[in-house]
C-alpha atoms as a PDB file:
ATOM      1  CA  MET A   1      96.362 123.416  92.081  1.00  0.00           C
ATOM      2  CA  HIS A   2      95.602 122.847  88.627  1.00  0.00           C
ATOM      3  CA  THR A   3      94.791 119.795  86.605  1.00  0.00           C
ATOM      4  CA  ALA A   4      94.971 119.077  82.851  1.00  0.00           C
ATOM      5  CA  ARG A   5      93.704 115.918  81.029  1.00  0.00           C
ATOM      6  CA  VAL A   6      95.767 115.468  78.045  1.00  0.00           C
ATOM      7  CA  ALA A   7      95.958 113.139  75.089  1.00  0.00           C
ATOM      8  CA  LEU A   8      99.494 112.680  73.688  1.00  0.00           C
ATOM      9  CA  ARG A   9      99.822 111.262  70.217  1.00  0.00           C
ATOM     10  CA  ILE A  10     103.230 109.422  70.283  1.00  0.00           C
ATOM     11  CA  PRO A  11     105.218 108.935  67.142  1.00  0.00           C
ATOM     12  CA  GLU A  12     106.145 105.229  66.485  1.00  0.00           C
ATOM     13  CA  GLU A  13     109.728 105.602  67.333  1.00  0.00           C
ATOM     14  CA  PHE A  14     108.915 106.843  70.965  1.00  0.00           C
ATOM     15  CA  LEU A  15     106.615 103.963  71.723  1.00  0.00           C
ATOM     16  CA  HIS A  16     107.585 101.261  74.084  1.00  0.00           C
ATOM     17  CA  PRO A  17     107.497  97.979  72.300  1.00  0.00           C
ATOM     18  CA  MET A  18     104.443  96.751  74.082  1.00  0.00           C
ATOM     19  CA  HIS A  19     102.519  99.909  73.340  1.00  0.00           C
ATOM     20  CA  ALA A  20     103.413  99.458  69.760  1.00  0.00           C
ATOM     21  CA  PHE A  21     102.057  95.758  70.080  1.00  0.00           C
ATOM     22  CA  VAL A  22      98.829  97.299  71.400  1.00  0.00           C
ATOM     23  CA  CYS A  23      98.587  99.479  68.284  1.00  0.00           C
ATOM     24  CA  GLU A  24      99.318  96.440  65.874  1.00  0.00           C
ATOM     25  CA  CYS A  25      97.233  93.635  67.458  1.00  0.00           C
ATOM     26  CA  PRO A  26      93.343  93.686  67.254  1.00  0.00           C
ATOM     27  CA  ALA A  27      93.223  91.202  70.046  1.00  0.00           C
ATOM     28  CA  VAL A  28      94.434  94.020  72.521  1.00  0.00           C
ATOM     29  CA  GLU A  29      92.797  97.426  72.827  1.00  0.00           C
ATOM     30  CA  ARG A  30      94.878  99.256  75.463  1.00  0.00           C
ATOM     31  CA  GLU A  31      97.129  99.154  78.490  1.00  0.00           C
ATOM     32  CA  THR A  32      96.328 101.139  81.696  1.00  0.00           C
ATOM     33  CA  ILE A  33      99.004 102.073  84.090  1.00  0.00           C
ATOM     34  CA  LEU A  34      97.500 101.794  87.523  1.00  0.00           C
ATOM     35  CA  GLU A  35     100.760 102.458  89.396  1.00  0.00           C
ATOM     36  CA  ARG A  36     104.271 103.484  88.350  1.00  0.00           C
ATOM     37  CA  ASP A  37     107.661 103.631  90.070  1.00  0.00           C
ATOM     38  CA  ALA A  38     110.269 105.262  87.757  1.00  0.00           C
ATOM     39  CA  ARG A  39     113.093 105.544  90.320  1.00  0.00           C
ATOM     40  CA  GLY A  40     116.402 104.353  89.012  1.00  0.00           C
ATOM     41  CA  ASP A  41     117.004 102.724  85.602  1.00  0.00           C
ATOM     42  CA  VAL A  42     114.236 100.281  85.671  1.00  0.00           C
ATOM     43  CA  THR A  43     110.468 101.295  85.595  1.00  0.00           C
ATOM     44  CA  THR A  44     108.065  99.163  87.639  1.00  0.00           C
ATOM     45  CA  LEU A  45     104.605  99.222  86.399  1.00  0.00           C
ATOM     46  CA  LEU A  46     101.157  97.585  87.506  1.00  0.00           C
ATOM     47  CA  LEU A  47      99.078  97.429  84.224  1.00  0.00           C
ATOM     48  CA  TYR A  48      95.630  96.495  83.352  1.00  0.00           C
ATOM     49  CA  VAL A  49      95.467  95.281  79.930  1.00  0.00           C
ATOM     50  CA  ASP A  50      92.231  95.305  77.963  1.00  0.00           C
ATOM     51  CA  GLY A  51      92.496  92.379  75.628  1.00  0.00           C
ATOM     52  CA  ASP A  52      93.623  88.797  75.109  1.00  0.00           C
ATOM     53  CA  ARG A  53      96.199  87.507  77.516  1.00  0.00           C
ATOM     54  CA  GLU A  54      97.926  84.970  75.456  1.00  0.00           C
ATOM     55  CA  PRO A  55      99.067  87.017  72.245  1.00  0.00           C
ATOM     56  CA  TYR A  56     100.219  89.777  74.618  1.00  0.00           C
ATOM     57  CA  GLU A  57     102.299  87.489  76.826  1.00  0.00           C
ATOM     58  CA  GLN A  58     103.913  85.846  73.665  1.00  0.00           C
ATOM     59  CA  ARG A  59     105.096  89.229  72.554  1.00  0.00           C
ATOM     60  CA  LEU A  60     106.120  90.287  76.031  1.00  0.00           C
ATOM     61  CA  ARG A  61     108.604  87.369  76.124  1.00  0.00           C
ATOM     62  CA  THR A  62     110.476  88.598  73.157  1.00  0.00           C
ATOM     63  CA  VAL A  63     111.039  92.221  74.457  1.00  0.00           C
ATOM     64  CA  PRO A  64     114.675  92.593  75.686  1.00  0.00           C
ATOM     65  CA  GLN A  65     113.807  95.681  77.721  1.00  0.00           C
ATOM     66  CA  VAL A  66     111.679  93.621  80.118  1.00  0.00           C
ATOM     67  CA  GLU A  67     113.435  92.578  83.006  1.00  0.00           C
ATOM     68  CA  GLU A  68     110.665  90.469  84.796  1.00  0.00           C
ATOM     69  CA  TRP A  69     106.871  90.198  84.742  1.00  0.00           C
ATOM     70  CA  THR A  70     103.902  88.283  86.171  1.00  0.00           C
ATOM     71  CA  SER A  71     100.144  88.389  85.156  1.00  0.00           C
ATOM     72  CA  GLN A  72      96.837  87.661  86.816  1.00  0.00           C
ATOM     73  CA  ALA A  73      93.449  87.279  85.204  1.00  0.00           C
ATOM     74  CA  ASN A  74      90.632  89.701  85.946  1.00  0.00           C
ATOM     75  CA  SER A  75      87.897  88.069  88.084  1.00  0.00           C
ATOM     76  CA  ASP A  76      85.141  88.931  85.492  1.00  0.00           C
ATOM     77  CA  GLY A  77      87.189  87.158  82.633  1.00  0.00           C
ATOM     78  CA  ALA A  78      87.821  90.386  80.643  1.00  0.00           C
ATOM     79  CA  GLY A  79      91.268  91.552  80.546  1.00  0.00           C
ATOM     80  CA  PHE A  80      94.176  90.861  83.011  1.00  0.00           C
ATOM     81  CA  TYR A  81      96.585  92.682  85.434  1.00  0.00           C
ATOM     82  CA  LEU A  82     100.350  92.722  84.808  1.00  0.00           C
ATOM     83  CA  TYR A  83     103.206  93.543  87.122  1.00  0.00           C
ATOM     84  CA  VAL A  84     106.197  94.241  84.927  1.00  0.00           C
ATOM     85  CA  ARG A  85     109.757  95.874  85.417  1.00  0.00           C
ATOM     86  CA  THR A  86     111.102  97.294  82.097  1.00  0.00           C
ATOM     87  CA  THR A  87     113.897  99.683  81.021  1.00  0.00           C
ATOM     88  CA  LEU A  88     113.233 102.517  78.687  1.00  0.00           C
ATOM     89  CA  ARG A  89     115.045 103.226  75.475  1.00  0.00           C
ATOM     90  CA  GLU A  90     116.706 106.612  75.244  1.00  0.00           C
ATOM     91  CA  ARG A  91     113.856 108.004  72.976  1.00  0.00           C
ATOM     92  CA  GLU A  92     111.132 106.594  75.284  1.00  0.00           C
ATOM     93  CA  ALA A  93     112.776 107.952  78.301  1.00  0.00           C
ATOM     94  CA  GLY A  94     113.216 111.474  76.484  1.00  0.00           C
ATOM     95  CA  TYR A  95     109.533 112.211  76.335  1.00  0.00           C
ATOM     96  CA  ARG A  96     108.898 110.669  79.721  1.00  0.00           C
ATOM     97  CA  ASP A  97     111.529 112.921  81.294  1.00  0.00           C
ATOM     98  CA  ALA A  98     109.772 116.109  80.047  1.00  0.00           C
ATOM     99  CA  LEU A  99     106.757 115.167  82.349  1.00  0.00           C
ATOM    100  CA  ASP A 100     108.613 113.660  85.236  1.00  0.00           C
ATOM    101  CA  ARG A 101     109.422 116.918  87.100  1.00  0.00           C
ATOM    102  CA  ASP A 102     109.174 117.771  90.809  1.00  0.00           C
ATOM    103  CA  SER A 103     106.573 120.279  90.326  1.00  0.00           C
ATOM    104  CA  VAL A 104     104.225 118.125  88.240  1.00  0.00           C
ATOM    105  CA  LEU A 105     102.413 114.889  89.049  1.00  0.00           C
ATOM    106  CA  VAL A 106     101.179 112.428  86.410  1.00  0.00           C
ATOM    107  CA  VAL A 107      98.280 110.767  88.320  1.00  0.00           C
ATOM    108  CA  PRO A 108      97.276 107.201  87.384  1.00  0.00           C
ATOM    109  CA  PRO A 109      95.479 105.688  85.696  1.00  0.00           C
ATOM    110  CA  VAL A 110      97.349 106.460  82.469  1.00  0.00           C
ATOM    111  CA  GLU A 111      95.785 104.927  79.319  1.00  0.00           C
ATOM    112  CA  LEU A 112      97.962 103.676  76.446  1.00  0.00           C
ATOM    113  CA  ARG A 113      95.658 103.278  73.551  1.00  0.00           C
ATOM    114  CA  SER A 114      95.603 101.474  70.223  1.00  0.00           C
ATOM    115  CA  ASP A 115      95.544 104.748  68.276  1.00  0.00           C
ATOM    116  CA  ARG A 116      99.066 105.594  69.643  1.00  0.00           C
ATOM    117  CA  THR A 117      97.642 108.055  72.168  1.00  0.00           C
ATOM    118  CA  VAL A 118      98.513 108.277  75.900  1.00  0.00           C
ATOM    119  CA  ARG A 119      95.782 109.752  77.950  1.00  0.00           C
ATOM    120  CA  GLN A 120      96.825 110.981  81.431  1.00  0.00           C
ATOM    121  CA  THR A 121      95.865 113.498  84.135  1.00  0.00           C
ATOM    122  CA  MET A 122      98.576 116.034  85.316  1.00  0.00           C
ATOM    123  CA  VAL A 123      98.424 117.994  88.495  1.00  0.00           C
ATOM    124  CA  GLY A 124     100.378 121.041  89.529  1.00  0.00           C
ATOM    125  CA  TYR A 125     100.816 124.786  89.022  1.00  0.00           C
ATOM    126  CA  SER A 126      99.408 126.012  85.735  1.00  0.00           C
ATOM    127  CA  ASP A 127     102.832 127.519  84.554  1.00  0.00           C
ATOM    128  CA  GLN A 128     104.614 124.227  85.529  1.00  0.00           C
ATOM    129  CA  LEU A 129     102.027 122.116  83.611  1.00  0.00           C
ATOM    130  CA  THR A 130     102.534 124.335  80.483  1.00  0.00           C
ATOM    131  CA  ALA A 131     106.243 124.143  80.922  1.00  0.00           C
ATOM    132  CA  ALA A 132     106.146 120.215  81.079  1.00  0.00           C
ATOM    133  CA  LEU A 133     103.995 119.975  77.966  1.00  0.00           C
ATOM    134  CA  SER A 134     106.106 122.459  76.171  1.00  0.00           C
ATOM    135  CA  ALA A 135     109.280 120.453  77.042  1.00  0.00           C
ATOM    136  CA  LEU A 136     108.048 117.465  75.026  1.00  0.00           C
ATOM    137  CA  PRO A 137     109.592 116.510  71.657  1.00  0.00           C
ATOM    138  CA  GLU A 138     108.028 118.447  68.820  1.00  0.00           C
ATOM    139  CA  ALA A 139     107.031 115.161  67.182  1.00  0.00           C
ATOM    140  CA  VAL A 140     104.586 114.493  70.221  1.00  0.00           C
ATOM    141  CA  ASP A 141     101.336 116.063  69.444  1.00  0.00           C
ATOM    142  CA  VAL A 142      99.563 117.392  72.477  1.00  0.00           C
ATOM    143  CA  GLU A 143      95.594 117.681  72.816  1.00  0.00           C
ATOM    144  CA  VAL A 144      94.435 119.226  76.003  1.00  0.00           C
ATOM    145  CA  LEU A 145      91.075 117.441  76.725  1.00  0.00           C
ATOM    146  CA  ARG A 146      90.020 119.406  79.822  1.00  0.00           C
ATOM    147  CA  THR A 147      91.285 121.573  82.505  1.00  0.00           C
ATOM    148  CA  GLY A 148      90.021 122.497  85.982  1.00  0.00           C
ATOM    149  CA  THR A 149      89.387 120.626  89.173  1.00  0.00           C
ATOM    150  CA  TYR A 150      91.041 117.386  89.952  1.00  0.00           C
ATOM    151  CA  GLU A 151      88.711 114.299  90.333  1.00  0.00           C
ATOM    152  CA  ARG A 152      90.026 111.087  91.378  1.00  0.00           C
ATOM    153  CA  GLU A 153      89.498 108.037  89.173  1.00  0.00           C
ATOM    154  CA  ASP A 154      89.321 104.807  91.323  1.00  0.00           C
ATOM    155  CA  GLY A 155      88.667 101.182  90.801  1.00  0.00           C
ATOM    156  CA  PRO A 156      89.417  98.923  87.958  1.00  0.00           C
ATOM    157  CA  PRO A 157      89.210 100.419  84.648  1.00  0.00           C
ATOM    158  CA  LEU A 158      86.242  99.905  82.114  1.00  0.00           C
ATOM    159  CA  SER A 159      87.058  97.723  79.094  1.00  0.00           C
ATOM    160  CA  GLY A 160      87.353  99.769  75.918  1.00  0.00           C
ATOM    161  CA  ARG A 161      83.972  98.395  74.646  1.00  0.00           C
ATOM    162  CA  GLN A 162      82.200  99.319  78.063  1.00  0.00           C
ATOM    163  CA  ARG A 163      83.708 102.798  78.046  1.00  0.00           C
ATOM    164  CA  GLU A 164      82.441 103.338  74.473  1.00  0.00           C
ATOM    165  CA  ALA A 165      79.138 102.249  75.393  1.00  0.00           C
ATOM    166  CA  VAL A 166      78.869 104.597  78.476  1.00  0.00           C
ATOM    167  CA  GLU A 167      80.310 107.450  76.435  1.00  0.00           C
ATOM    168  CA  THR A 168      77.759 106.877  73.733  1.00  0.00           C
ATOM    169  CA  ALA A 169      74.859 106.483  76.143  1.00  0.00           C
ATOM    170  CA  TRP A 170      75.927 109.909  77.579  1.00  0.00           C
ATOM    171  CA  ASP A 171      76.089 111.489  74.189  1.00  0.00           C
ATOM    172  CA  VAL A 172      72.661 110.330  72.996  1.00  0.00           C
ATOM    173  CA  GLY A 173      70.972 111.535  76.222  1.00  0.00           C
ATOM    174  CA  TYR A 174      70.435 108.163  77.864  1.00  0.00           C
ATOM    175  CA  TYR A 175      71.523 109.580  81.205  1.00  0.00           C
ATOM    176  CA  GLU A 176      69.681 112.776  80.940  1.00  0.00           C
ATOM    177  CA  LEU A 177      66.795 113.668  83.320  1.00  0.00           C
ATOM    178  CA  PRO A 178      64.311 113.257  81.833  1.00  0.00           C
ATOM    179  CA  ARG A 179      65.992 110.755  79.368  1.00  0.00           C
ATOM    180  CA  THR A 180      66.226 112.100  75.890  1.00  0.00           C
ATOM    181  CA  GLY A 181      67.839 108.936  74.311  1.00  0.00           C
ATOM    182  CA  GLU A 182      66.734 105.355  74.416  1.00  0.00           C
ATOM    183  CA  LEU A 183      68.677 102.138  74.626  1.00  0.00           C
ATOM    184  CA  ALA A 184      67.852 101.652  70.952  1.00  0.00           C
ATOM    185  CA  ASP A 185      69.767 104.779  70.110  1.00  0.00           C
ATOM    186  CA  VAL A 186      72.876 103.620  72.021  1.00  0.00           C
ATOM    187  CA  ALA A 187      72.689 100.226  70.100  1.00  0.00           C
ATOM    188  CA  ALA A 188      72.404 101.977  66.829  1.00  0.00           C
ATOM    189  CA  GLU A 189      75.500 104.065  67.401  1.00  0.00           C
ATOM    190  CA  LEU A 190      77.425 100.936  68.585  1.00  0.00           C
ATOM    191  CA  ASP A 191      76.229  99.004  65.683  1.00  0.00           C
ATOM    192  CA  CYS A 192      74.986  96.124  67.889  1.00  0.00           C
ATOM    193  CA  GLY A 193      71.718  94.792  69.122  1.00  0.00           C
ATOM    194  CA  THR A 194      69.898  96.317  72.098  1.00  0.00           C
ATOM    195  CA  SER A 195      70.562  93.296  74.292  1.00  0.00           C
ATOM    196  CA  THR A 196      74.201  93.673  73.724  1.00  0.00           C
ATOM    197  CA  ALA A 197      74.104  97.416  74.398  1.00  0.00           C
ATOM    198  CA  SER A 198      72.167  96.767  77.619  1.00  0.00           C
ATOM    199  CA  ALA A 199      74.708  94.126  78.865  1.00  0.00           C
ATOM    200  CA  LEU A 200      77.640  96.502  77.992  1.00  0.00           C
ATOM    201  CA  LEU A 201      75.973  99.301  80.005  1.00  0.00           C
ATOM    202  CA  ARG A 202      75.045  97.013  82.989  1.00  0.00           C
ATOM    203  CA  ARG A 203      78.429  95.658  83.326  1.00  0.00           C
ATOM    204  CA  ALA A 204      80.144  98.977  83.160  1.00  0.00           C
ATOM    205  CA  GLU A 205      77.583 100.651  85.713  1.00  0.00           C
ATOM    206  CA  ARG A 206      78.403  97.519  87.988  1.00  0.00           C
ATOM    207  CA  ARG A 207      82.166  98.398  87.863  1.00  0.00           C
ATOM    208  CA  LEU A 208      81.409 102.123  88.480  1.00  0.00           C
ATOM    209  CA  VAL A 209      79.149 101.520  91.416  1.00  0.00           C
ATOM    210  CA  ALA A 210      81.602  98.972  92.917  1.00  0.00           C
ATOM    211  CA  ALA A 211      84.393 101.422  92.660  1.00  0.00           C
ATOM    212  CA  THR A 212      82.300 104.239  94.247  1.00  0.00           C
ATOM    213  CA  LEU A 213      81.328 101.754  97.165  1.00  0.00           C
ATOM    214  CA  GLY A 214      84.821 100.343  97.498  1.00  0.00           C
ATOM    215  CA  LYS A 215      83.515  96.851  96.549  1.00  0.00           C
ATOM    216  CA  GLN A 216      84.946  94.252  94.208  1.00  0.00           C
ATOM    217  CA  GLY A 217      83.629  95.107  90.815  1.00  0.00           C
END
């Protein structure tokens, strides 16, 4: 079994209208697909949306492809969960169909980011993974982020800012043993105060620990 973590840069014409909205609206940073059922003509999704609920829902009401939806606030006040049933336009379905094949699994979570990229983990035989990516339209740019052993990502996703803080802390050596980077280094890279950087890391670490222990984050 092989796995590949990939970033797909999607041309505007292939974007679902709500992913396009995420790219346009500064109040919404990304959508994360937690579960997906693509059987039949209507795709059913459970999403976590990292951003403001009100503008997102205002736009959602105007999208004709959306059959029905309901949302629920996250318990910590950041972001919200969304259950939605939507049809796909022909161009959107075209690149999805290249990846939806019997021999390849696209494993949630799948991140739909504001930079028009979709980040996802694919599992299967290496030749079938290559075939799936090769079947994508030429306009879809593919970046393979890593390959190797599959590792399950559980629990509610970090917010975009929390993930950025954790990645920055890792890069500056904050999590090295012994530590080679300090909180001040993290704050400098994030262009914020040390108290803000500390709060971001604490909240992110709480979510990660909760997910590991199977607790509510």
